[in-house]
N, C-alpha and C. Protein backbone atom coordinates (compact mmCIF):
# COMPACT_ATOMS: atom_id res chain seq x y z
N UNK A 1 24.13 -5.40 -20.15
CA UNK A 1 24.92 -6.16 -19.92
C UNK A 1 25.03 -6.48 -18.43
N UNK A 2 24.52 -7.97 -17.68
CA UNK A 2 24.97 -8.34 -16.60
C UNK A 2 26.43 -9.46 -16.11
N UNK A 3 26.39 -8.74 -14.88
CA UNK A 3 27.43 -9.21 -14.61
C UNK A 3 27.15 -10.10 -13.27
N UNK A 4 27.92 -11.23 -12.91
CA UNK A 4 27.62 -12.03 -11.73
C UNK A 4 29.06 -12.29 -11.53
N UNK A 5 28.75 -12.23 -9.82
CA UNK A 5 30.07 -12.83 -8.97
C UNK A 5 29.94 -13.95 -8.57
N UNK A 6 30.46 -14.46 -8.70
CA UNK A 6 30.65 -16.32 -8.25
C UNK A 6 30.92 -15.93 -6.53
N UNK A 7 30.58 -17.06 -5.78
CA UNK A 7 31.06 -17.29 -4.17
C UNK A 7 32.65 -17.61 -4.23
N UNK A 8 33.36 -18.21 -5.47
CA UNK A 8 34.88 -18.32 -5.41
C UNK A 8 35.33 -16.90 -5.71
N UNK A 9 34.89 -15.90 -6.15
CA UNK A 9 35.35 -14.78 -6.54
C UNK A 9 35.03 -14.08 -8.04
N UNK A 10 35.08 -15.29 -8.91
CA UNK A 10 34.98 -15.25 -10.35
C UNK A 10 34.00 -14.47 -10.70
N UNK A 11 34.23 -13.69 -11.68
CA UNK A 11 33.00 -12.82 -12.36
C UNK A 11 33.02 -13.30 -13.98
N UNK A 12 31.46 -13.33 -14.17
CA UNK A 12 31.16 -13.52 -15.69
C UNK A 12 30.40 -12.39 -15.87
N UNK A 13 30.28 -12.20 -16.92
CA UNK A 13 29.24 -10.87 -17.63
C UNK A 13 28.76 -11.73 -19.09
N UNK A 14 27.53 -11.26 -19.59
CA UNK A 14 27.01 -11.65 -20.73
C UNK A 14 25.49 -10.70 -20.54
N UNK A 15 25.04 -10.59 -22.12
CA UNK A 15 24.05 -9.73 -22.44
C UNK A 15 22.93 -10.95 -22.71
N UNK A 16 21.85 -10.19 -22.41
CA UNK A 16 20.59 -10.86 -22.72
C UNK A 16 19.83 -9.50 -23.70
N UNK A 17 20.01 -9.38 -25.08
CA UNK A 17 19.24 -8.82 -25.77
C UNK A 17 17.98 -9.27 -26.35
N UNK A 18 17.88 -10.26 -26.35
CA UNK A 18 16.54 -10.89 -27.15
C UNK A 18 15.39 -11.30 -26.20
N UNK A 19 14.02 -10.55 -26.27
CA UNK A 19 13.30 -10.54 -25.35
C UNK A 19 12.27 -11.52 -25.24
N UNK A 20 11.49 -11.47 -23.88
CA UNK A 20 10.85 -12.50 -23.53
C UNK A 20 9.34 -12.63 -24.75
N UNK A 21 9.20 -13.85 -25.25
CA UNK A 21 8.05 -14.03 -26.11
C UNK A 21 6.90 -14.38 -25.04
N UNK A 22 5.45 -13.46 -25.27
CA UNK A 22 4.61 -14.44 -24.67
C UNK A 22 3.48 -14.37 -25.63
N UNK A 23 2.63 -15.76 -25.54
CA UNK A 23 1.91 -15.82 -26.52
C UNK A 23 0.82 -16.36 -25.86
N UNK A 24 -0.71 -15.88 -25.83
CA UNK A 24 -1.93 -16.19 -25.26
C UNK A 24 -2.42 -17.72 -26.24
N UNK A 25 -2.80 -18.50 -25.16
CA UNK A 25 -2.99 -19.62 -25.40
C UNK A 25 -4.94 -19.65 -25.55
N UNK A 26 -5.44 -19.96 -26.60
CA UNK A 26 -6.89 -19.71 -26.97
C UNK A 26 -7.19 -19.37 -28.07
N UNK A 27 -8.06 -18.61 -28.10
CA UNK A 27 -9.12 -18.18 -26.91
C UNK A 27 -10.27 -19.09 -26.79
N UNK A 28 -10.71 -20.28 -27.85
CA UNK A 28 -11.46 -21.35 -27.43
C UNK A 28 -11.44 -22.62 -26.83
N UNK A 29 -11.89 -22.59 -25.79
CA UNK A 29 -11.66 -23.69 -24.91
C UNK A 29 -12.69 -23.90 -24.90
N UNK A 30 -12.51 -26.19 -24.78
CA UNK A 30 -13.70 -26.90 -24.31
C UNK A 30 -13.63 -27.31 -23.04
N UNK A 31 -14.62 -27.45 -22.34
CA UNK A 31 -14.72 -28.14 -20.71
C UNK A 31 -15.57 -28.90 -20.56
N UNK A 32 -14.98 -30.07 -20.19
CA UNK A 32 -15.96 -31.27 -20.07
C UNK A 32 -16.18 -31.70 -18.36
N UNK A 33 -16.90 -31.37 -17.67
CA UNK A 33 -17.33 -31.46 -16.53
C UNK A 33 -17.48 -33.03 -16.09
N UNK A 34 -17.43 -34.03 -15.28
CA UNK A 34 -18.01 -34.81 -15.04
C UNK A 34 -19.28 -35.23 -14.31
N UNK A 35 -20.22 -36.13 -14.97
CA UNK A 35 -21.53 -36.36 -14.42
C UNK A 35 -21.39 -37.00 -13.49
N UNK A 36 -22.34 -37.22 -11.89
CA UNK A 36 -23.65 -36.53 -12.15
C UNK A 36 -23.88 -35.61 -11.93
N UNK A 37 -22.64 -35.00 -11.54
CA UNK A 37 -22.43 -33.34 -10.66
C UNK A 37 -22.83 -32.33 -11.84
N UNK A 38 -22.05 -32.52 -12.75
CA UNK A 38 -22.11 -31.62 -13.90
C UNK A 38 -22.76 -31.90 -15.14
N UNK A 39 -22.79 -31.14 -16.30
CA UNK A 39 -23.53 -31.33 -17.30
C UNK A 39 -22.59 -32.84 -17.84
N UNK A 40 -23.22 -33.34 -19.02
CA UNK A 40 -22.64 -34.18 -19.45
C UNK A 40 -22.37 -33.66 -21.09
N UNK A 41 -22.78 -32.94 -21.35
CA UNK A 41 -22.02 -31.93 -22.74
C UNK A 41 -21.04 -31.33 -22.47
N UNK A 42 -19.81 -31.25 -23.39
CA UNK A 42 -19.09 -30.39 -23.32
C UNK A 42 -19.46 -28.82 -23.16
N UNK A 43 -18.23 -28.04 -22.69
CA UNK A 43 -19.15 -26.54 -22.28
C UNK A 43 -18.09 -25.59 -23.78
N UNK A 44 -18.22 -25.14 -24.42
CA UNK A 44 -17.26 -23.98 -25.35
C UNK A 44 -17.10 -22.79 -24.76
N UNK A 45 -16.21 -22.07 -24.47
CA UNK A 45 -16.11 -21.04 -24.31
C UNK A 45 -14.67 -19.84 -24.87
N UNK A 46 -15.00 -18.76 -25.09
CA UNK A 46 -14.01 -17.90 -25.73
C UNK A 46 -13.54 -17.11 -24.62
N UNK A 47 -13.83 -17.26 -23.44
CA UNK A 47 -14.08 -16.37 -22.28
C UNK A 47 -13.85 -17.24 -21.01
N UNK A 48 -12.49 -17.42 -20.35
CA UNK A 48 -12.18 -18.32 -18.99
C UNK A 48 -12.66 -17.37 -17.86
N UNK A 49 -13.66 -18.11 -17.26
CA UNK A 49 -14.33 -17.31 -15.53
C UNK A 49 -14.56 -18.35 -14.88
N UNK A 50 -14.86 -18.26 -13.70
CA UNK A 50 -15.50 -18.88 -12.59
C UNK A 50 -17.22 -19.74 -12.69
N UNK A 51 -16.91 -21.02 -12.82
CA UNK A 51 -17.84 -21.78 -12.75
C UNK A 51 -19.02 -21.39 -12.14
N UNK A 52 -18.38 -21.23 -11.05
CA UNK A 52 -20.04 -20.36 -10.23
C UNK A 52 -20.55 -18.87 -10.82
N UNK A 53 -19.59 -18.50 -11.87
CA UNK A 53 -20.31 -17.81 -12.49
C UNK A 53 -21.55 -17.55 -13.34
N UNK A 54 -21.40 -18.98 -13.79
CA UNK A 54 -22.61 -19.21 -15.01
C UNK A 54 -23.75 -19.53 -14.34
N UNK A 55 -25.28 -19.24 -15.17
CA UNK A 55 -26.16 -18.90 -14.69
C UNK A 55 -26.95 -20.67 -14.39
N UNK A 56 -26.37 -21.94 -14.98
CA UNK A 56 -26.85 -23.20 -15.30
C UNK A 56 -26.24 -23.55 -13.77
N UNK A 57 -27.40 -24.26 -12.93
CA UNK A 57 -26.78 -24.60 -11.90
C UNK A 57 -25.84 -25.97 -11.77
N UNK A 58 -26.06 -26.80 -12.75
CA UNK A 58 -24.88 -27.78 -12.81
C UNK A 58 -23.13 -27.48 -12.86
N UNK A 59 -23.14 -26.07 -13.50
CA UNK A 59 -21.96 -25.22 -13.73
C UNK A 59 -21.57 -24.93 -12.12
N UNK A 60 -22.77 -23.43 -11.95
CA UNK A 60 -22.94 -22.85 -10.80
C UNK A 60 -22.56 -23.53 -9.47
N UNK A 61 -22.96 -24.96 -9.33
CA UNK A 61 -22.85 -25.42 -8.04
C UNK A 61 -21.82 -26.81 -8.04
N UNK A 62 -21.08 -26.85 -9.24
CA UNK A 62 -20.09 -28.14 -9.41
C UNK A 62 -19.25 -27.95 -8.79
N UNK A 63 -18.62 -29.37 -8.21
CA UNK A 63 -17.46 -29.58 -7.50
C UNK A 63 -17.36 -30.89 -8.03
N UNK A 64 -15.75 -30.77 -8.45
CA UNK A 64 -15.15 -31.99 -8.67
C UNK A 64 -14.18 -31.72 -9.76
N UNK A 65 -14.04 -32.44 -10.71
CA UNK A 65 -12.76 -32.20 -11.85
C UNK A 65 -13.59 -31.65 -13.09
N UNK A 66 -12.75 -31.11 -13.83
CA UNK A 66 -13.35 -30.58 -14.84
C UNK A 66 -12.11 -30.21 -16.08
N UNK A 67 -11.98 -30.89 -17.33
CA UNK A 67 -11.20 -31.12 -18.12
C UNK A 67 -11.36 -29.93 -19.41
N UNK A 68 -10.42 -28.80 -18.90
CA UNK A 68 -10.16 -28.10 -19.99
C UNK A 68 -9.01 -28.28 -21.44
N UNK A 69 -9.57 -28.13 -22.44
CA UNK A 69 -8.80 -28.56 -23.76
C UNK A 69 -8.91 -27.51 -25.01
N UNK A 70 -7.59 -27.16 -25.54
CA UNK A 70 -7.80 -25.89 -26.42
C UNK A 70 -5.67 -26.61 -27.44
N UNK A 71 -5.61 -26.09 -28.55
CA UNK A 71 -4.36 -26.26 -29.16
C UNK A 71 -4.02 -24.79 -29.44
N UNK A 72 -2.66 -25.09 -29.52
CA UNK A 72 -1.97 -23.87 -30.14
C UNK A 72 -0.56 -24.44 -30.96
N UNK A 73 -0.21 -23.02 -31.73
CA UNK A 73 0.69 -23.44 -32.45
C UNK A 73 2.34 -22.60 -32.16
N UNK A 74 3.29 -23.39 -32.56
CA UNK A 74 4.47 -22.72 -32.05
C UNK A 74 5.25 -22.83 -33.45
N UNK A 75 6.08 -21.93 -34.01
CA UNK A 75 7.05 -22.14 -34.56
C UNK A 75 8.45 -22.55 -34.77
N UNK A 76 9.29 -23.30 -35.51
CA UNK A 76 10.33 -23.75 -35.29
C UNK A 76 11.37 -22.69 -34.77
N UNK A 77 11.24 -21.74 -35.25
CA UNK A 77 12.11 -20.17 -34.44
C UNK A 77 12.02 -20.17 -33.40
N UNK A 78 10.80 -20.35 -33.05
CA UNK A 78 10.07 -19.62 -32.05
C UNK A 78 10.78 -20.53 -30.70
N UNK A 79 10.99 -22.18 -31.00
CA UNK A 79 11.21 -23.27 -30.15
C UNK A 79 12.97 -23.24 -30.09
N UNK A 80 13.33 -22.58 -30.92
CA UNK A 80 14.94 -23.12 -31.06
C UNK A 80 16.10 -22.43 -30.26
N UNK A 81 16.21 -23.31 -29.57
CA UNK A 81 17.02 -22.51 -28.32
C UNK A 81 16.35 -21.70 -27.32
N UNK A 82 15.24 -21.83 -26.79
CA UNK A 82 14.45 -21.38 -25.79
C UNK A 82 14.02 -22.60 -25.09
N UNK A 83 13.68 -21.49 -23.45
CA UNK A 83 13.25 -22.39 -22.59
C UNK A 83 11.56 -21.96 -22.86
N UNK A 84 10.71 -23.25 -22.46
CA UNK A 84 9.30 -22.55 -22.66
C UNK A 84 8.61 -22.86 -21.33
N UNK A 85 7.60 -22.09 -20.85
CA UNK A 85 6.98 -22.28 -19.56
C UNK A 85 5.33 -22.10 -20.41
N UNK A 86 4.16 -22.52 -19.31
CA UNK A 86 3.03 -22.09 -19.36
C UNK A 86 2.78 -21.95 -18.17
N UNK A 87 2.19 -20.42 -18.53
CA UNK A 87 1.43 -20.11 -17.10
C UNK A 87 -0.39 -20.05 -16.85
N UNK A 88 -0.73 -21.20 -15.90
CA UNK A 88 -1.64 -21.07 -16.38
C UNK A 88 -2.52 -19.63 -15.68
N UNK A 89 -2.24 -18.83 -15.57
CA UNK A 89 -2.57 -17.64 -14.26
C UNK A 89 -3.45 -18.04 -13.07
N UNK A 90 -4.55 -17.68 -12.72
CA UNK A 90 -5.48 -18.03 -11.29
C UNK A 90 -5.92 -19.14 -11.95
N UNK A 91 -6.18 -20.08 -10.91
CA UNK A 91 -6.63 -21.46 -11.03
C UNK A 91 -7.14 -21.67 -9.53
N UNK A 92 -8.13 -22.15 -9.50
CA UNK A 92 -8.68 -22.51 -8.26
C UNK A 92 -9.56 -24.06 -8.22
N UNK A 93 -9.19 -24.78 -7.96
CA UNK A 93 -8.24 -24.92 -6.57
C UNK A 93 -6.95 -25.61 -7.26
N UNK A 94 -6.60 -26.85 -7.47
CA UNK A 94 -5.75 -27.31 -8.06
C UNK A 94 -5.81 -27.85 -9.42
N UNK A 95 -4.46 -27.79 -10.40
CA UNK A 95 -4.58 -28.11 -12.20
C UNK A 95 -3.39 -29.16 -12.29
N UNK A 96 -3.60 -29.83 -13.08
CA UNK A 96 -2.74 -31.01 -13.53
C UNK A 96 -2.71 -30.54 -15.44
N UNK A 97 -1.63 -30.53 -15.40
CA UNK A 97 -1.24 -30.31 -17.22
C UNK A 97 -0.86 -30.81 -17.88
N UNK A 98 -1.33 -31.42 -18.97
CA UNK A 98 -0.78 -32.19 -20.02
C UNK A 98 -0.71 -31.54 -21.58
N UNK A 99 0.43 -31.61 -21.88
CA UNK A 99 0.73 -31.23 -23.49
C UNK A 99 1.25 -32.35 -24.34
N UNK A 100 0.63 -32.18 -25.26
CA UNK A 100 0.33 -33.55 -26.58
C UNK A 100 0.39 -34.67 -25.69
N UNK A 101 -0.62 -34.77 -24.65
CA UNK A 101 -0.78 -36.48 -24.30
C UNK A 101 0.00 -36.67 -23.11
N UNK A 102 1.28 -35.93 -22.58
CA UNK A 102 2.24 -35.90 -22.08
C UNK A 102 2.14 -35.29 -20.30
N UNK A 103 2.19 -35.81 -19.23
CA UNK A 103 2.12 -35.12 -17.87
C UNK A 103 3.19 -33.87 -17.91
N UNK A 104 2.61 -32.99 -17.75
CA UNK A 104 3.65 -31.49 -17.50
C UNK A 104 3.34 -31.20 -16.00
N UNK A 105 2.82 -31.55 -15.02
CA UNK A 105 2.89 -31.42 -13.76
C UNK A 105 1.43 -31.43 -13.15
N UNK A 106 1.96 -31.10 -11.68
CA UNK A 106 0.20 -30.26 -10.78
C UNK A 106 0.84 -29.65 -10.26
N UNK A 107 -0.04 -28.55 -9.92
CA UNK A 107 -0.27 -27.35 -9.17
C UNK A 107 -0.95 -26.99 -8.37
N UNK A 108 -1.01 -26.62 -6.91
CA UNK A 108 -1.76 -26.49 -6.24
C UNK A 108 -1.73 -24.99 -4.97
N UNK A 109 -1.00 -24.29 -5.63
CA UNK A 109 -0.42 -22.92 -5.13
C UNK A 109 0.05 -22.34 -6.38
N UNK A 110 0.23 -20.91 -6.18
CA UNK A 110 0.52 -19.85 -7.12
C UNK A 110 1.91 -19.71 -6.98
N UNK A 111 3.01 -19.48 -8.02
CA UNK A 111 2.16 -19.45 -9.38
C UNK A 111 1.86 -20.68 -10.33
N UNK A 112 0.92 -21.00 -10.91
CA UNK A 112 0.32 -22.34 -11.58
C UNK A 112 1.43 -21.93 -12.65
N UNK A 113 2.56 -22.20 -13.17
CA UNK A 113 4.01 -22.53 -13.70
C UNK A 113 4.40 -23.49 -14.21
N UNK A 114 4.41 -24.29 -15.56
CA UNK A 114 5.14 -25.23 -15.39
C UNK A 114 6.22 -25.30 -16.87
N UNK A 115 7.04 -25.85 -16.55
CA UNK A 115 8.30 -25.68 -17.62
C UNK A 115 7.62 -27.21 -18.74
N UNK A 116 7.49 -26.73 -19.77
CA UNK A 116 7.39 -27.57 -20.75
C UNK A 116 8.10 -27.78 -22.07
N UNK A 117 9.31 -27.56 -21.75
CA UNK A 117 10.54 -26.82 -22.85
C UNK A 117 10.48 -28.01 -24.03
N UNK A 118 10.51 -29.58 -22.96
CA UNK A 118 10.70 -30.63 -24.04
C UNK A 118 9.17 -31.44 -24.25
N UNK A 119 8.40 -30.68 -24.08
CA UNK A 119 6.76 -31.21 -24.66
C UNK A 119 6.32 -30.79 -25.49
N UNK A 120 6.75 -29.07 -25.99
CA UNK A 120 6.31 -28.57 -26.85
C UNK A 120 6.80 -28.66 -28.08
N UNK A 121 6.17 -28.44 -29.13
CA UNK A 121 6.87 -29.21 -30.50
C UNK A 121 6.76 -28.14 -31.77
N UNK A 122 7.02 -28.06 -32.84
CA UNK A 122 6.87 -27.34 -33.84
C UNK A 122 5.58 -27.71 -34.02
N UNK A 123 4.82 -26.59 -34.78
CA UNK A 123 3.35 -26.90 -35.15
C UNK A 123 2.29 -26.58 -35.00
N UNK A 124 1.25 -27.93 -34.51
CA UNK A 124 0.36 -28.02 -33.46
C UNK A 124 0.43 -28.50 -32.23
N UNK A 125 -0.08 -28.21 -30.63
CA UNK A 125 0.47 -28.61 -30.05
C UNK A 125 -1.17 -28.83 -29.14
N UNK A 126 -1.54 -29.73 -28.16
CA UNK A 126 -2.85 -29.92 -27.64
C UNK A 126 -2.25 -29.46 -26.03
N UNK A 127 -3.24 -28.88 -25.40
CA UNK A 127 -2.84 -28.79 -24.30
C UNK A 127 -4.46 -28.88 -23.13
N UNK A 128 -3.87 -29.63 -22.06
CA UNK A 128 -5.21 -30.13 -21.66
C UNK A 128 -4.83 -29.84 -19.99
N UNK A 129 -6.02 -29.10 -19.09
CA UNK A 129 -5.67 -28.61 -18.02
C UNK A 129 -6.75 -29.52 -16.99
N UNK A 130 -6.54 -30.33 -16.50
CA UNK A 130 -7.95 -30.68 -15.46
C UNK A 130 -7.57 -30.18 -14.27
N UNK A 131 -9.04 -29.32 -13.76
CA UNK A 131 -8.81 -28.33 -12.55
C UNK A 131 -10.10 -28.93 -11.92
N UNK A 132 -9.23 -28.76 -10.43
CA UNK A 132 -10.17 -29.60 -9.25
C UNK A 132 -10.49 -28.51 -8.00
N UNK A 133 -12.03 -28.26 -8.19
CA UNK A 133 -11.96 -27.48 -6.91
C UNK A 133 -12.65 -27.93 -5.59
N UNK A 134 -12.82 -27.03 -4.56
CA UNK A 134 -13.02 -27.95 -3.40
C UNK A 134 -14.84 -28.26 -3.43
N UNK A 135 -15.37 -28.75 -2.28
CA UNK A 135 -16.88 -29.31 -2.21
C UNK A 135 -17.54 -28.48 -2.15
N UNK A 136 -16.95 -27.31 -1.35
CA UNK A 136 -18.06 -26.15 -1.23
C UNK A 136 -19.20 -25.77 -1.73
N UNK A 137 -18.63 -26.03 -3.28
CA UNK A 137 -19.96 -25.34 -4.06
C UNK A 137 -21.12 -26.13 -4.36
N UNK A 138 -20.71 -27.81 -3.91
CA UNK A 138 -21.49 -28.38 -4.11
C UNK A 138 -22.48 -28.72 -2.87
N UNK A 139 -22.16 -28.16 -2.06
CA UNK A 139 -22.60 -28.32 -0.45
C UNK A 139 -23.72 -27.05 -0.66
N UNK A 140 -23.21 -25.83 -0.62
CA UNK A 140 -24.16 -24.81 -1.50
C UNK A 140 -25.14 -25.22 -2.09
N UNK A 141 -24.88 -25.71 -3.50
CA UNK A 141 -25.99 -25.57 -4.00
C UNK A 141 -27.06 -26.67 -3.49
N UNK A 142 -26.90 -27.84 -3.15
CA UNK A 142 -27.76 -28.87 -2.27
C UNK A 142 -28.48 -28.37 -1.26
N UNK A 143 -27.74 -27.36 -0.30
CA UNK A 143 -28.50 -26.66 0.67
C UNK A 143 -29.60 -25.94 0.46
N UNK A 144 -29.85 -25.91 -0.98
CA UNK A 144 -31.10 -25.05 -1.41
C UNK A 144 -32.07 -26.43 -2.01
N UNK A 145 -31.68 -27.70 -1.49
CA UNK A 145 -32.81 -28.70 -2.35
C UNK A 145 -33.25 -29.45 -1.07
N UNK A 146 -34.19 -29.92 -1.30
CA UNK A 146 -34.81 -31.06 -0.34
C UNK A 146 -33.74 -32.33 0.07
N UNK A 147 -33.66 -32.68 1.33
CA UNK A 147 -32.89 -33.74 1.67
C UNK A 147 -32.43 -34.71 0.65
N UNK A 148 -34.24 -35.18 -0.06
CA UNK A 148 -34.02 -36.05 -0.69
C UNK A 148 -33.34 -36.65 -2.33
N UNK A 149 -33.30 -34.96 -2.58
CA UNK A 149 -32.46 -34.70 -3.84
C UNK A 149 -31.43 -34.20 -3.98
N UNK A 150 -30.52 -34.17 -2.72
CA UNK A 150 -28.95 -33.77 -2.69
C UNK A 150 -28.04 -34.59 -3.17
N UNK A 151 -26.77 -34.21 -3.51
CA UNK A 151 -26.11 -35.36 -3.48
C UNK A 151 -25.21 -35.86 -2.76
N UNK A 152 -25.00 -34.74 -1.92
CA UNK A 152 -23.86 -34.77 -0.82
C UNK A 152 -24.85 -34.83 0.69
N UNK A 153 -24.50 -35.23 1.70
CA UNK A 153 -24.80 -34.92 2.80
C UNK A 153 -23.69 -34.25 3.92
N UNK A 154 -24.10 -33.75 4.35
CA UNK A 154 -23.30 -32.75 6.00
C UNK A 154 -24.23 -32.41 6.72
N UNK A 155 -23.57 -32.12 8.12
CA UNK A 155 -24.17 -31.46 9.16
C UNK A 155 -23.55 -30.20 9.46
N UNK A 156 -22.89 -29.50 8.39
CA UNK A 156 -22.53 -28.30 8.51
C UNK A 156 -23.81 -27.10 7.84
N UNK A 157 -24.53 -26.80 8.99
CA UNK A 157 -25.54 -26.16 8.38
C UNK A 157 -25.60 -24.41 7.65
N UNK A 158 -24.34 -23.79 7.70
CA UNK A 158 -24.13 -22.61 7.15
C UNK A 158 -24.25 -22.64 5.70
N UNK A 159 -24.40 -23.91 4.66
CA UNK A 159 -24.47 -23.62 3.48
C UNK A 159 -25.75 -24.18 3.27
N UNK A 160 -26.78 -23.96 4.50
CA UNK A 160 -28.15 -23.58 4.17
C UNK A 160 -29.17 -22.46 4.55
N UNK A 161 -29.90 -21.93 4.11
CA UNK A 161 -30.74 -21.03 4.40
C UNK A 161 -30.17 -19.88 3.63
N UNK A 162 -31.06 -18.59 3.92
CA UNK A 162 -30.85 -17.56 2.49
C UNK A 162 -29.62 -17.29 2.47
N UNK A 163 -28.42 -17.04 3.24
CA UNK A 163 -27.17 -16.23 3.24
C UNK A 163 -26.24 -17.65 2.07
N UNK A 164 -26.45 -18.59 2.03
CA UNK A 164 -25.41 -19.94 1.65
C UNK A 164 -25.22 -19.39 0.31
N UNK A 165 -25.69 -18.43 -0.36
CA UNK A 165 -24.64 -18.21 -1.78
C UNK A 165 -23.36 -17.67 -1.77
N UNK A 166 -23.53 -16.85 -0.75
CA UNK A 166 -22.63 -15.79 0.12
C UNK A 166 -21.23 -17.17 0.40
N UNK A 167 -21.07 -18.15 0.26
CA UNK A 167 -20.21 -19.02 0.56
C UNK A 167 -19.31 -20.14 -0.94
N UNK A 168 -20.49 -19.46 -1.73
CA UNK A 168 -19.84 -19.75 -2.93
C UNK A 168 -18.24 -19.64 -3.10
N UNK A 169 -17.56 -20.54 -4.22
CA UNK A 169 -16.38 -20.19 -4.10
C UNK A 169 -15.75 -19.85 -5.23
N UNK A 170 -14.81 -18.95 -5.66
CA UNK A 170 -14.26 -18.78 -7.06
C UNK A 170 -13.64 -20.63 -7.72
N UNK A 171 -14.06 -20.85 -9.27
CA UNK A 171 -13.40 -22.44 -9.36
C UNK A 171 -13.05 -22.40 -10.97
N UNK A 172 -12.45 -22.82 -11.51
CA UNK A 172 -11.61 -23.30 -12.56
C UNK A 172 -10.35 -22.43 -12.77
N UNK A 173 -10.68 -22.25 -14.52
CA UNK A 173 -9.28 -21.24 -14.81
C UNK A 173 -9.55 -19.93 -14.81
N UNK A 174 -9.53 -19.20 -14.42
CA UNK A 174 -9.89 -17.67 -14.25
C UNK A 174 -9.47 -16.78 -14.77
N UNK A 175 -8.24 -16.79 -15.74
CA UNK A 175 -7.56 -15.71 -16.33
C UNK A 175 -6.85 -16.40 -17.61
N UNK A 176 -6.51 -15.60 -18.40
CA UNK A 176 -5.93 -16.14 -19.59
C UNK A 176 -4.57 -17.24 -19.38
N UNK A 177 -4.23 -18.11 -20.43
CA UNK A 177 -3.34 -19.25 -20.24
C UNK A 177 -2.21 -18.44 -21.17
N UNK A 178 -0.92 -18.46 -20.80
CA UNK A 178 0.13 -17.80 -21.89
C UNK A 178 1.32 -18.57 -21.64
N UNK A 179 2.05 -19.00 -22.92
CA UNK A 179 3.03 -19.20 -23.07
C UNK A 179 4.09 -18.34 -23.10
N UNK A 180 5.15 -18.80 -22.33
CA UNK A 180 6.36 -17.93 -22.25
C UNK A 180 7.68 -18.20 -22.52
N UNK A 181 8.31 -17.83 -23.68
CA UNK A 181 9.71 -18.24 -24.05
C UNK A 181 10.85 -17.35 -24.21
N UNK A 182 11.35 -17.73 -23.70
CA UNK A 182 13.09 -17.26 -23.72
C UNK A 182 14.22 -17.33 -24.26
N UNK A 183 15.35 -16.93 -24.87
CA UNK A 183 16.39 -17.85 -25.45
C UNK A 183 17.20 -18.69 -23.90
N UNK A 184 17.59 -19.41 -24.47
CA UNK A 184 18.71 -20.03 -23.23
C UNK A 184 19.90 -19.47 -23.27
N UNK A 185 20.39 -18.85 -22.23
CA UNK A 185 21.82 -18.53 -22.45
C UNK A 185 22.75 -19.24 -21.19
N UNK A 186 24.25 -19.70 -22.21
CA UNK A 186 24.97 -20.45 -21.39
C UNK A 186 26.19 -19.51 -20.63
N UNK A 187 25.94 -19.78 -19.46
CA UNK A 187 27.30 -18.82 -19.19
C UNK A 187 28.33 -19.93 -18.59
N UNK A 188 29.94 -19.68 -18.32
CA UNK A 188 30.95 -20.41 -18.40
C UNK A 188 31.50 -19.32 -17.60
N UNK A 189 32.34 -19.82 -16.64
CA UNK A 189 33.53 -19.05 -15.87
C UNK A 189 34.70 -18.88 -17.11
């Protein structure tokens, strides 16, 4: 039982016996990277990890936007009277979220959580997360190429030479994405 004391001196009590419901979204994700800096084909993965960890240099040195998509199921019982959040986990750097084609918000700082209560529906739901990283990984990749083969130009020399890979930054969705659902309580004075 919880007790709230209001600024006017009134007291309200309530009990919250129903636990928070958590569901992992995935595991299969499709990732689309923009050309010409990334691969033209869609990447499918059941593990979310940094683009800089891939062996493929088109992913390892990718800078820009990539779109993650998958679907998840929710029952009517799970929806009834509940608030629903999506926790995107660890995102590097900026995330834009859509549920069933509708905008659900943009986040650029932790926690990467969005209230999607009115967007999630009973049955199958589509989730799309567009993640944008910084320019650094592309500069690191270009630092290992001849000037005429580079996508970018900069006067910052630290991205060239033997220690350039030390500057690679983690990018993308880096941890599991979760649905958090809990019963709404109405508290009255």
